[in-house]
Amino acid sequence: MLPPTLAKADLHLLYVFTTVVRSRGFAAAQVELNVSPSTISRQISHLETRLGMTLCNRGRSGFRLTHKGEVVFRAAQRLFASIKDFSETVDGSRGKLVGSLSVAVIDNWVFNDASPFQVGLREFVHKAPDVTLELFSLAPADIEIAVQDGNVSLGVGVFHRPKPGLIYEALTTERMGLYCARGHPLFDVTDHTKLPALLQQSNYAKRTYLNEASVAPVSQGMFSNGCAHQIEGIAHLILTGRYIGYLPEHFAEFWLKEGGIKSVGDGQFDQVSQIKLVFKRGAELNRVTQTLADLILAGCVAA
């Protein structure tokens, strides 16, 4: 076991280990760590000796965590998140907005420059020029995991099944339209009485990060052999002309203007999604994080 007080070398070995896990192997981790795979292997072996357990299996079959390795990885993530939060809290106590801040946002929102997040972030970078920002574009479920694990301080996304360990603040709504592309049988339909039959014959592009049947009733019973983990993937499927699927209106606007896609049923199947700000329950936000959160919430009024 490690001594009661972690040494600087122990923290470095844990950092190497977490980097290898996030990179899914030694070869990929060498770019970030700037050392050879053989050096990384020696460092992981030294950590395993220090802990008295095997953390991962590596070899021709590839890199894979052991059960104990998964436990250590999660614990190391919490440790580094606590260290980061400590540093940011101390920096904030000096009365200055300095330090670092990690935020995760759903993909495609960059196309909505009037969103509360964009409004808040624009104000934040002017107010806190010395803060180092790290932004992630993730699927909603991954945002919740990142916030829960302490890897990011704030998340912005669409969350249909709130988790008890997180707090959600409503920001705004966005309209989701059901679209098809040129070449799809629904593209040239003007007689809406034909829609039910054509919909049931359509191939639906599923969003894996939510329960389609509950949020999009039109999809119930519809055939689907294509899915995507992010909105951009749904757009790729729709643009093949073989799928129909939901896209945010602001994201679809480019193809609508170009005539490449069309709203199915002239908008009668559109849905409204609630965009929320999420942070960890029970965790007191430091000054930097609270400042951005306040500015994003204020952006709801300005947007």
C-alpha atoms as a PDB file:
ATOM      1  CA  MET A   1       0.000   0.000   0.000  1.00  0.00           C
ATOM      2  CA  LEU A   2       1.012   3.619  -0.488  1.00  0.00           C
ATOM      3  CA  PRO A   3       2.231   5.492   2.599  1.00  0.00           C
ATOM      4  CA  PRO A   4      -0.324   7.729   4.380  1.00  0.00           C
ATOM      5  CA  THR A   5       1.228  10.769   2.714  1.00  0.00           C
ATOM      6  CA  LEU A   6       1.536  10.589  -1.049  1.00  0.00           C
ATOM      7  CA  ALA A   7       4.928  11.550  -2.407  1.00  0.00           C
ATOM      8  CA  LYS A   8       5.352  13.706  -5.490  1.00  0.00           C
ATOM      9  CA  ALA A   9       6.630  10.625  -7.340  1.00  0.00           C
ATOM     10  CA  ASP A  10       3.445   8.725  -6.462  1.00  0.00           C
ATOM     11  CA  LEU A  11       1.298  11.483  -7.931  1.00  0.00           C
ATOM     12  CA  HIS A  12       3.361  11.435 -11.103  1.00  0.00           C
ATOM     13  CA  LEU A  13       2.960   7.666 -11.452  1.00  0.00           C
ATOM     14  CA  LEU A  14      -0.795   7.998 -10.960  1.00  0.00           C
ATOM     15  CA  TYR A  15      -0.867  10.741 -13.590  1.00  0.00           C
ATOM     16  CA  VAL A  16       0.965   8.465 -16.025  1.00  0.00           C
ATOM     17  CA  PHE A  17      -1.495   5.682 -15.264  1.00  0.00           C
ATOM     18  CA  THR A  18      -4.596   7.837 -15.803  1.00  0.00           C
ATOM     19  CA  THR A  19      -3.133   9.194 -19.043  1.00  0.00           C
ATOM     20  CA  VAL A  20      -2.551   5.652 -20.324  1.00  0.00           C
ATOM     21  CA  VAL A  21      -6.124   4.676 -19.455  1.00  0.00           C
ATOM     22  CA  ARG A  22      -7.607   7.753 -21.141  1.00  0.00           C
ATOM     23  CA  SER A  23      -5.402   7.121 -24.201  1.00  0.00           C
ATOM     24  CA  ARG A  24      -6.327   3.419 -24.173  1.00  0.00           C
ATOM     25  CA  GLY A  25      -2.767   2.197 -24.356  1.00  0.00           C
ATOM     26  CA  PHE A  26       0.922   2.961 -24.001  1.00  0.00           C
ATOM     27  CA  ALA A  27       1.573   3.860 -27.633  1.00  0.00           C
ATOM     28  CA  ALA A  28      -1.154   6.497 -27.737  1.00  0.00           C
ATOM     29  CA  ALA A  29      -0.136   7.928 -24.341  1.00  0.00           C
ATOM     30  CA  GLN A  30       3.466   8.572 -25.361  1.00  0.00           C
ATOM     31  CA  VAL A  31       2.447  11.679 -27.336  1.00  0.00           C
ATOM     32  CA  GLU A  32       0.920  13.384 -24.289  1.00  0.00           C
ATOM     33  CA  LEU A  33       3.553  12.124 -21.847  1.00  0.00           C
ATOM     34  CA  ASN A  34       6.459  12.748 -24.262  1.00  0.00           C
ATOM     35  CA  VAL A  35       8.270   9.546 -23.276  1.00  0.00           C
ATOM     36  CA  SER A  36       8.724   6.168 -24.930  1.00  0.00           C
ATOM     37  CA  PRO A  37       6.287   3.274 -24.428  1.00  0.00           C
ATOM     38  CA  SER A  38       9.045   1.329 -22.668  1.00  0.00           C
ATOM     39  CA  THR A  39       9.444   4.153 -20.132  1.00  0.00           C
ATOM     40  CA  ILE A  40       5.693   4.246 -19.592  1.00  0.00           C
ATOM     41  CA  SER A  41       5.676   0.495 -19.061  1.00  0.00           C
ATOM     42  CA  ARG A  42       8.384   0.776 -16.394  1.00  0.00           C
ATOM     43  CA  GLN A  43       6.458   3.552 -14.643  1.00  0.00           C
ATOM     44  CA  ILE A  44       3.240   1.516 -14.590  1.00  0.00           C
ATOM     45  CA  SER A  45       5.161  -1.500 -13.259  1.00  0.00           C
ATOM     46  CA  HIS A  46       6.636   0.685 -10.516  1.00  0.00           C
ATOM     47  CA  LEU A  47       3.142   1.914  -9.580  1.00  0.00           C
ATOM     48  CA  GLU A  48       1.866  -1.667  -9.471  1.00  0.00           C
ATOM     49  CA  THR A  49       4.736  -2.540  -7.130  1.00  0.00           C
ATOM     50  CA  ARG A  50       3.927   0.442  -4.920  1.00  0.00           C
ATOM     51  CA  LEU A  51       0.265  -0.557  -4.767  1.00  0.00           C
ATOM     52  CA  GLY A  52       0.874  -4.276  -4.589  1.00  0.00           C
ATOM     53  CA  MET A  53      -1.586  -5.110  -7.349  1.00  0.00           C
ATOM     54  CA  THR A  54      -1.830  -5.611 -11.086  1.00  0.00           C
ATOM     55  CA  LEU A  55      -3.532  -2.625 -12.698  1.00  0.00           C
ATOM     56  CA  CYS A  56      -3.662  -3.650 -16.331  1.00  0.00           C
ATOM     57  CA  ASN A  57      -2.933  -6.373 -18.823  1.00  0.00           C
ATOM     58  CA  ARG A  58      -0.773  -5.390 -21.774  1.00  0.00           C
ATOM     59  CA  GLY A  59       0.687  -7.335 -24.611  1.00  0.00           C
ATOM     60  CA  ARG A  60      -0.261  -8.573 -28.048  1.00  0.00           C
ATOM     61  CA  SER A  61      -3.903  -8.782 -27.039  1.00  0.00           C
ATOM     62  CA  GLY A  62      -3.891  -5.048 -26.299  1.00  0.00           C
ATOM     63  CA  PHE A  63      -4.301  -2.862 -23.233  1.00  0.00           C
ATOM     64  CA  ARG A  64      -7.013  -3.758 -20.710  1.00  0.00           C
ATOM     65  CA  LEU A  65      -7.627  -2.681 -17.123  1.00  0.00           C
ATOM     66  CA  THR A  66      -8.035  -5.258 -14.388  1.00  0.00           C
ATOM     67  CA  HIS A  67     -10.882  -4.883 -11.909  1.00  0.00           C
ATOM     68  CA  LYS A  68      -8.460  -3.386  -9.376  1.00  0.00           C
ATOM     69  CA  GLY A  69      -7.091  -1.141 -12.091  1.00  0.00           C
ATOM     70  CA  GLU A  70     -10.569   0.250 -12.711  1.00  0.00           C
ATOM     71  CA  VAL A  71     -10.960   0.996  -9.000  1.00  0.00           C
ATOM     72  CA  VAL A  72      -7.576   2.759  -8.869  1.00  0.00           C
ATOM     73  CA  PHE A  73      -8.364   4.729 -12.039  1.00  0.00           C
ATOM     74  CA  ARG A  74     -11.642   6.056 -10.629  1.00  0.00           C
ATOM     75  CA  ALA A  75      -9.953   6.892  -7.316  1.00  0.00           C
ATOM     76  CA  ALA A  76      -7.107   8.675  -9.140  1.00  0.00           C
ATOM     77  CA  GLN A  77      -9.617  10.712 -11.140  1.00  0.00           C
ATOM     78  CA  ARG A  78     -11.266  11.850  -7.916  1.00  0.00           C
ATOM     79  CA  LEU A  79      -7.865  12.632  -6.414  1.00  0.00           C
ATOM     80  CA  PHE A  80      -6.762  14.839  -9.303  1.00  0.00           C
ATOM     81  CA  ALA A  81     -10.170  16.514  -9.427  1.00  0.00           C
ATOM     82  CA  SER A  82      -9.809  17.344  -5.704  1.00  0.00           C
ATOM     83  CA  ILE A  83      -6.311  18.725  -6.226  1.00  0.00           C
ATOM     84  CA  LYS A  84      -7.555  20.839  -9.114  1.00  0.00           C
ATOM     85  CA  ASP A  85     -10.505  22.109  -7.063  1.00  0.00           C
ATOM     86  CA  PHE A  86      -8.155  22.944  -4.165  1.00  0.00           C
ATOM     87  CA  SER A  87      -5.897  24.984  -6.429  1.00  0.00           C
ATOM     88  CA  GLU A  88      -8.829  26.837  -7.980  1.00  0.00           C
ATOM     89  CA  THR A  89     -10.362  27.542  -4.566  1.00  0.00           C
ATOM     90  CA  VAL A  90      -7.082  28.932  -3.209  1.00  0.00           C
ATOM     91  CA  ASP A  91      -6.607  31.049  -6.323  1.00  0.00           C
ATOM     92  CA  GLY A  92     -10.143  32.353  -5.992  1.00  0.00           C
ATOM     93  CA  SER A  93      -9.600  33.298  -2.336  1.00  0.00           C
ATOM     94  CA  ARG A  94      -6.967  35.786  -3.481  1.00  0.00           C
ATOM     95  CA  GLY A  95      -9.723  37.757  -5.150  1.00  0.00           C
ATOM     96  CA  LYS A  96      -8.554  37.024  -8.664  1.00  0.00           C
ATOM     97  CA  LEU A  97     -10.135  34.905 -11.375  1.00  0.00           C
ATOM     98  CA  VAL A  98      -7.157  32.677 -12.100  1.00  0.00           C
ATOM     99  CA  GLY A  99      -6.541  28.968 -12.445  1.00  0.00           C
ATOM    100  CA  SER A 100      -8.152  26.516 -14.836  1.00  0.00           C
ATOM    101  CA  LEU A 101     -11.678  25.458 -15.695  1.00  0.00           C
ATOM    102  CA  SER A 102     -12.994  22.460 -17.620  1.00  0.00           C
ATOM    103  CA  VAL A 103     -16.436  22.543 -19.236  1.00  0.00           C
ATOM    104  CA  ALA A 104     -18.314  19.993 -21.353  1.00  0.00           C
ATOM    105  CA  VAL A 105     -20.911  21.062 -23.928  1.00  0.00           C
ATOM    106  CA  ILE A 106     -23.123  19.106 -26.308  1.00  0.00           C
ATOM    107  CA  ASP A 107     -21.911  19.056 -29.882  1.00  0.00           C
ATOM    108  CA  ASN A 108     -23.437  21.320 -32.567  1.00  0.00           C
ATOM    109  CA  TRP A 109     -24.178  24.199 -30.182  1.00  0.00           C
ATOM    110  CA  VAL A 110     -21.391  26.232 -31.720  1.00  0.00           C
ATOM    111  CA  PHE A 111     -23.809  26.930 -34.595  1.00  0.00           C
ATOM    112  CA  ASN A 112     -26.075  28.783 -32.173  1.00  0.00           C
ATOM    113  CA  ASP A 113     -24.050  31.922 -31.405  1.00  0.00           C
ATOM    114  CA  ALA A 114     -26.920  33.382 -29.396  1.00  0.00           C
ATOM    115  CA  SER A 115     -27.027  30.456 -26.958  1.00  0.00           C
ATOM    116  CA  PRO A 116     -26.725  31.268 -23.214  1.00  0.00           C
ATOM    117  CA  PHE A 117     -23.470  29.315 -23.141  1.00  0.00           C
ATOM    118  CA  GLN A 118     -21.916  31.335 -25.954  1.00  0.00           C
ATOM    119  CA  VAL A 119     -23.150  34.602 -24.427  1.00  0.00           C
ATOM    120  CA  GLY A 120     -21.820  33.630 -20.988  1.00  0.00           C
ATOM    121  CA  LEU A 121     -18.501  32.314 -22.284  1.00  0.00           C
ATOM    122  CA  ARG A 122     -17.924  35.473 -24.332  1.00  0.00           C
ATOM    123  CA  GLU A 123     -18.377  37.579 -21.203  1.00  0.00           C
ATOM    124  CA  PHE A 124     -16.279  35.208 -19.079  1.00  0.00           C
ATOM    125  CA  VAL A 125     -13.129  35.285 -21.239  1.00  0.00           C
ATOM    126  CA  HIS A 126     -13.136  39.081 -21.057  1.00  0.00           C
ATOM    127  CA  LYS A 127     -13.746  39.081 -17.324  1.00  0.00           C
ATOM    128  CA  ALA A 128     -11.249  36.301 -16.535  1.00  0.00           C
ATOM    129  CA  PRO A 129      -8.445  36.478 -19.124  1.00  0.00           C
ATOM    130  CA  ASP A 130      -5.997  34.633 -16.846  1.00  0.00           C
ATOM    131  CA  VAL A 131      -8.128  31.501 -16.496  1.00  0.00           C
ATOM    132  CA  THR A 132      -7.051  28.523 -18.596  1.00  0.00           C
ATOM    133  CA  LEU A 133     -10.101  26.976 -20.261  1.00  0.00           C
ATOM    134  CA  GLU A 134     -10.507  23.364 -21.359  1.00  0.00           C
ATOM    135  CA  LEU A 135     -13.637  22.644 -23.415  1.00  0.00           C
ATOM    136  CA  PHE A 136     -15.035  19.244 -24.336  1.00  0.00           C
ATOM    137  CA  SER A 137     -17.725  18.421 -26.891  1.00  0.00           C
ATOM    138  CA  LEU A 138     -19.492  15.311 -25.600  1.00  0.00           C
ATOM    139  CA  ALA A 139     -22.725  13.366 -25.802  1.00  0.00           C
ATOM    140  CA  PRO A 140     -25.166  14.133 -22.935  1.00  0.00           C
ATOM    141  CA  ALA A 141     -24.518  10.897 -21.017  1.00  0.00           C
ATOM    142  CA  ASP A 142     -20.758  11.456 -21.229  1.00  0.00           C
ATOM    143  CA  ILE A 143     -21.189  15.009 -19.938  1.00  0.00           C
ATOM    144  CA  GLU A 144     -23.009  13.704 -16.861  1.00  0.00           C
ATOM    145  CA  ILE A 145     -20.293  11.110 -16.224  1.00  0.00           C
ATOM    146  CA  ALA A 146     -17.538  13.722 -16.617  1.00  0.00           C
ATOM    147  CA  VAL A 147     -19.254  16.062 -14.138  1.00  0.00           C
ATOM    148  CA  GLN A 148     -19.985  13.234 -11.690  1.00  0.00           C
ATOM    149  CA  ASP A 149     -16.354  12.041 -11.794  1.00  0.00           C
ATOM    150  CA  GLY A 150     -15.012  15.565 -11.349  1.00  0.00           C
ATOM    151  CA  ASN A 151     -13.271  15.647 -14.727  1.00  0.00           C
ATOM    152  CA  VAL A 152     -15.230  18.773 -15.665  1.00  0.00           C
ATOM    153  CA  SER A 153     -16.792  21.382 -13.396  1.00  0.00           C
ATOM    154  CA  LEU A 154     -19.790  22.306 -15.516  1.00  0.00           C
ATOM    155  CA  GLY A 155     -21.783  20.669 -18.275  1.00  0.00           C
ATOM    156  CA  VAL A 156     -24.335  21.973 -20.754  1.00  0.00           C
ATOM    157  CA  GLY A 157     -26.647  19.635 -22.598  1.00  0.00           C
ATOM    158  CA  VAL A 158     -29.977  17.843 -23.011  1.00  0.00           C
ATOM    159  CA  PHE A 159     -30.626  15.495 -20.101  1.00  0.00           C
ATOM    160  CA  HIS A 160     -33.812  13.442 -20.047  1.00  0.00           C
ATOM    161  CA  ARG A 161     -33.060  11.250 -17.032  1.00  0.00           C
ATOM    162  CA  PRO A 162     -31.655  13.371 -14.165  1.00  0.00           C
ATOM    163  CA  LYS A 163     -29.148  11.598 -11.937  1.00  0.00           C
ATOM    164  CA  PRO A 164     -29.430  12.030  -8.144  1.00  0.00           C
ATOM    165  CA  GLY A 165     -25.783  13.057  -7.757  1.00  0.00           C
ATOM    166  CA  LEU A 166     -26.150  16.054 -10.063  1.00  0.00           C
ATOM    167  CA  ILE A 167     -27.962  19.403 -10.015  1.00  0.00           C
ATOM    168  CA  TYR A 168     -29.626  20.685 -13.178  1.00  0.00           C
ATOM    169  CA  GLU A 169     -30.485  24.300 -13.957  1.00  0.00           C
ATOM    170  CA  ALA A 170     -32.764  25.066 -16.912  1.00  0.00           C
ATOM    171  CA  LEU A 171     -31.129  27.378 -19.463  1.00  0.00           C
ATOM    172  CA  THR A 172     -33.218  27.513 -22.609  1.00  0.00           C
ATOM    173  CA  THR A 173     -34.987  25.363 -25.175  1.00  0.00           C
ATOM    174  CA  GLU A 174     -34.128  24.429 -28.733  1.00  0.00           C
ATOM    175  CA  ARG A 175     -36.445  23.181 -31.431  1.00  0.00           C
ATOM    176  CA  MET A 176     -35.637  19.797 -32.937  1.00  0.00           C
ATOM    177  CA  GLY A 177     -36.947  19.213 -36.440  1.00  0.00           C
ATOM    178  CA  LEU A 178     -37.561  15.890 -38.175  1.00  0.00           C
ATOM    179  CA  TYR A 179     -35.714  16.005 -41.505  1.00  0.00           C
ATOM    180  CA  CYS A 180     -35.108  14.003 -44.637  1.00  0.00           C
ATOM    181  CA  ALA A 181     -32.655  14.687 -47.466  1.00  0.00           C
ATOM    182  CA  ARG A 182     -33.017  14.970 -51.210  1.00  0.00           C
ATOM    183  CA  GLY A 183     -33.546  11.512 -52.673  1.00  0.00           C
ATOM    184  CA  HIS A 184     -35.647  10.242 -49.771  1.00  0.00           C
ATOM    185  CA  PRO A 185     -39.277   9.241 -50.635  1.00  0.00           C
ATOM    186  CA  LEU A 186     -40.558  11.862 -48.156  1.00  0.00           C
ATOM    187  CA  PHE A 187     -38.608  14.728 -49.683  1.00  0.00           C
ATOM    188  CA  ASP A 188     -41.083  15.582 -52.442  1.00  0.00           C
ATOM    189  CA  VAL A 189     -44.290  14.664 -50.608  1.00  0.00           C
ATOM    190  CA  THR A 190     -46.887  17.444 -50.564  1.00  0.00           C
ATOM    191  CA  ASP A 191     -49.939  15.324 -49.734  1.00  0.00           C
ATOM    192  CA  HIS A 192     -49.814  14.912 -45.949  1.00  0.00           C
ATOM    193  CA  THR A 193     -52.302  12.038 -46.050  1.00  0.00           C
ATOM    194  CA  LYS A 194     -49.454   9.902 -47.408  1.00  0.00           C
ATOM    195  CA  LEU A 195     -47.160  10.682 -44.465  1.00  0.00           C
ATOM    196  CA  PRO A 196     -48.219   7.908 -42.028  1.00  0.00           C
ATOM    197  CA  ALA A 197     -47.562   5.128 -44.543  1.00  0.00           C
ATOM    198  CA  LEU A 198     -44.276   6.628 -45.754  1.00  0.00           C
ATOM    199  CA  LEU A 199     -43.078   7.203 -42.192  1.00  0.00           C
ATOM    200  CA  GLN A 200     -43.613   3.567 -41.301  1.00  0.00           C
ATOM    201  CA  GLN A 201     -41.593   2.609 -44.363  1.00  0.00           C
ATOM    202  CA  SER A 202     -38.747   4.956 -43.444  1.00  0.00           C
ATOM    203  CA  ASN A 203     -35.393   4.142 -41.886  1.00  0.00           C
ATOM    204  CA  TYR A 204     -34.991   6.178 -38.687  1.00  0.00           C
ATOM    205  CA  ALA A 205     -31.620   7.505 -37.483  1.00  0.00           C
ATOM    206  CA  LYS A 206     -31.604   6.913 -33.720  1.00  0.00           C
ATOM    207  CA  ARG A 207     -29.881   9.075 -31.136  1.00  0.00           C
ATOM    208  CA  THR A 208     -28.210   6.619 -28.756  1.00  0.00           C
ATOM    209  CA  TYR A 209     -27.999   9.064 -25.870  1.00  0.00           C
ATOM    210  CA  LEU A 210     -31.761   9.205 -25.223  1.00  0.00           C
ATOM    211  CA  ASN A 211     -34.904   7.114 -25.269  1.00  0.00           C
ATOM    212  CA  GLU A 212     -36.314   7.911 -28.715  1.00  0.00           C
ATOM    213  CA  ALA A 213     -39.701   6.305 -28.033  1.00  0.00           C
ATOM    214  CA  SER A 214     -40.350   8.644 -25.093  1.00  0.00           C
ATOM    215  CA  VAL A 215     -39.067  11.914 -26.556  1.00  0.00           C
ATOM    216  CA  ALA A 216     -40.044  11.328 -30.196  1.00  0.00           C
ATOM    217  CA  PRO A 217     -43.354   9.414 -30.381  1.00  0.00           C
ATOM    218  CA  VAL A 218     -43.257   9.395 -34.197  1.00  0.00           C
ATOM    219  CA  SER A 219     -40.310   6.979 -34.002  1.00  0.00           C
ATOM    220  CA  GLN A 220     -42.286   4.268 -32.198  1.00  0.00           C
ATOM    221  CA  GLY A 221     -42.365   1.113 -34.282  1.00  0.00           C
ATOM    222  CA  MET A 222     -40.236   2.675 -36.991  1.00  0.00           C
ATOM    223  CA  PHE A 223     -37.446   0.587 -38.528  1.00  0.00           C
ATOM    224  CA  SER A 224     -33.874   1.654 -37.773  1.00  0.00           C
ATOM    225  CA  ASN A 225     -30.518   0.186 -38.663  1.00  0.00           C
ATOM    226  CA  GLY A 226     -28.510   3.378 -38.122  1.00  0.00           C
ATOM    227  CA  CYS A 227     -27.663   5.265 -34.958  1.00  0.00           C
ATOM    228  CA  ALA A 228     -25.252   7.957 -33.797  1.00  0.00           C
ATOM    229  CA  HIS A 229     -23.835   9.141 -30.491  1.00  0.00           C
ATOM    230  CA  GLN A 230     -23.822  12.810 -31.477  1.00  0.00           C
ATOM    231  CA  ILE A 231     -25.928  15.133 -33.631  1.00  0.00           C
ATOM    232  CA  GLU A 232     -23.273  15.369 -36.329  1.00  0.00           C
ATOM    233  CA  GLY A 233     -23.570  11.614 -36.868  1.00  0.00           C
ATOM    234  CA  ILE A 234     -27.346  11.914 -37.257  1.00  0.00           C
ATOM    235  CA  ALA A 235     -26.779  14.593 -39.911  1.00  0.00           C
ATOM    236  CA  HIS A 236     -24.408  12.280 -41.817  1.00  0.00           C
ATOM    237  CA  LEU A 237     -27.066   9.558 -41.893  1.00  0.00           C
ATOM    238  CA  ILE A 238     -29.844  11.922 -42.994  1.00  0.00           C
ATOM    239  CA  LEU A 239     -27.708  13.344 -45.791  1.00  0.00           C
ATOM    240  CA  THR A 240     -27.357   9.882 -47.361  1.00  0.00           C
ATOM    241  CA  GLY A 241     -30.995  10.196 -48.425  1.00  0.00           C
ATOM    242  CA  ARG A 242     -31.873   6.873 -46.808  1.00  0.00           C
ATOM    243  CA  TYR A 243     -32.689   8.009 -43.258  1.00  0.00           C
ATOM    244  CA  ILE A 244     -34.920  10.485 -41.470  1.00  0.00           C
ATOM    245  CA  GLY A 245     -33.939  11.924 -38.111  1.00  0.00           C
ATOM    246  CA  TYR A 246     -33.992  14.839 -35.705  1.00  0.00           C
ATOM    247  CA  LEU A 247     -31.634  17.810 -35.879  1.00  0.00           C
ATOM    248  CA  PRO A 248     -31.627  21.149 -34.024  1.00  0.00           C
ATOM    249  CA  GLU A 249     -33.111  23.837 -36.262  1.00  0.00           C
ATOM    250  CA  HIS A 250     -30.055  26.076 -36.008  1.00  0.00           C
ATOM    251  CA  PHE A 251     -27.841  23.138 -36.992  1.00  0.00           C
ATOM    252  CA  ALA A 252     -30.034  22.181 -39.966  1.00  0.00           C
ATOM    253  CA  GLU A 253     -30.317  25.742 -41.250  1.00  0.00           C
ATOM    254  CA  PHE A 254     -27.372  25.487 -43.672  1.00  0.00           C
ATOM    255  CA  TRP A 255     -28.791  22.469 -45.546  1.00  0.00           C
ATOM    256  CA  LEU A 256     -32.291  23.926 -45.448  1.00  0.00           C
ATOM    257  CA  LYS A 257     -31.087  27.060 -47.234  1.00  0.00           C
ATOM    258  CA  GLU A 258     -29.153  24.962 -49.735  1.00  0.00           C
ATOM    259  CA  GLY A 259     -32.207  22.771 -50.347  1.00  0.00           C
ATOM    260  CA  GLY A 260     -30.364  19.611 -49.371  1.00  0.00           C
ATOM    261  CA  ILE A 261     -32.773  18.642 -46.596  1.00  0.00           C
ATOM    262  CA  LYS A 262     -36.415  19.282 -45.861  1.00  0.00           C
ATOM    263  CA  SER A 263     -38.664  19.254 -42.805  1.00  0.00           C
ATOM    264  CA  VAL A 264     -40.878  16.155 -42.738  1.00  0.00           C
ATOM    265  CA  GLY A 265     -44.527  17.186 -42.629  1.00  0.00           C
ATOM    266  CA  ASP A 266     -43.671  20.889 -42.616  1.00  0.00           C
ATOM    267  CA  GLY A 267     -42.751  20.807 -38.943  1.00  0.00           C
ATOM    268  CA  GLN A 268     -45.710  18.872 -37.522  1.00  0.00           C
ATOM    269  CA  PHE A 269     -43.358  16.309 -35.939  1.00  0.00           C
ATOM    270  CA  ASP A 270     -40.967  18.857 -34.418  1.00  0.00           C
ATOM    271  CA  GLN A 271     -40.017  18.525 -30.746  1.00  0.00           C
ATOM    272  CA  VAL A 272     -38.719  20.970 -28.131  1.00  0.00           C
ATOM    273  CA  SER A 273     -35.685  20.019 -26.032  1.00  0.00           C
ATOM    274  CA  GLN A 274     -34.731  21.596 -22.708  1.00  0.00           C
ATOM    275  CA  ILE A 275     -31.090  22.686 -22.461  1.00  0.00           C
ATOM    276  CA  LYS A 276     -29.699  22.532 -18.924  1.00  0.00           C
ATOM    277  CA  LEU A 277     -26.611  23.481 -16.963  1.00  0.00           C
ATOM    278  CA  VAL A 278     -25.350  20.622 -14.780  1.00  0.00           C
ATOM    279  CA  PHE A 279     -22.911  20.478 -11.874  1.00  0.00           C
ATOM    280  CA  LYS A 280     -22.127  18.050  -9.096  1.00  0.00           C
ATOM    281  CA  ARG A 281     -24.463  17.919  -6.101  1.00  0.00           C
ATOM    282  CA  GLY A 282     -22.792  18.684  -2.782  1.00  0.00           C
ATOM    283  CA  ALA A 283     -19.713  20.244  -4.376  1.00  0.00           C
ATOM    284  CA  GLU A 284     -19.273  23.921  -3.538  1.00  0.00           C
ATOM    285  CA  LEU A 285     -18.383  25.716  -6.740  1.00  0.00           C
ATOM    286  CA  ASN A 286     -15.157  27.700  -6.553  1.00  0.00           C
ATOM    287  CA  ARG A 287     -15.094  31.349  -7.590  1.00  0.00           C
ATOM    288  CA  VAL A 288     -14.012  30.697 -11.172  1.00  0.00           C
ATOM    289  CA  THR A 289     -16.639  28.015 -11.782  1.00  0.00           C
ATOM    290  CA  GLN A 290     -19.383  29.993 -10.056  1.00  0.00           C
ATOM    291  CA  THR A 291     -18.551  33.047 -12.164  1.00  0.00           C
ATOM    292  CA  LEU A 292     -18.988  31.165 -15.434  1.00  0.00           C
ATOM    293  CA  ALA A 293     -22.152  29.461 -14.167  1.00  0.00           C
ATOM    294  CA  ASP A 294     -23.640  32.843 -13.216  1.00  0.00           C
ATOM    295  CA  LEU A 295     -22.736  34.334 -16.586  1.00  0.00           C
ATOM    296  CA  ILE A 296     -24.284  31.406 -18.459  1.00  0.00           C
ATOM    297  CA  LEU A 297     -27.480  31.718 -16.427  1.00  0.00           C
ATOM    298  CA  ALA A 298     -27.464  35.461 -17.056  1.00  0.00           C
ATOM    299  CA  GLY A 299     -27.048  34.662 -20.734  1.00  0.00           C
ATOM    300  CA  CYS A 300     -30.541  33.126 -20.650  1.00  0.00           C
ATOM    301  CA  VAL A 301     -31.869  36.664 -20.323  1.00  0.00           C
ATOM    302  CA  ALA A 302     -29.481  38.214 -22.818  1.00  0.00           C
ATOM    303  CA  ALA A 303     -29.869  35.486 -25.467  1.00  0.00           C
END
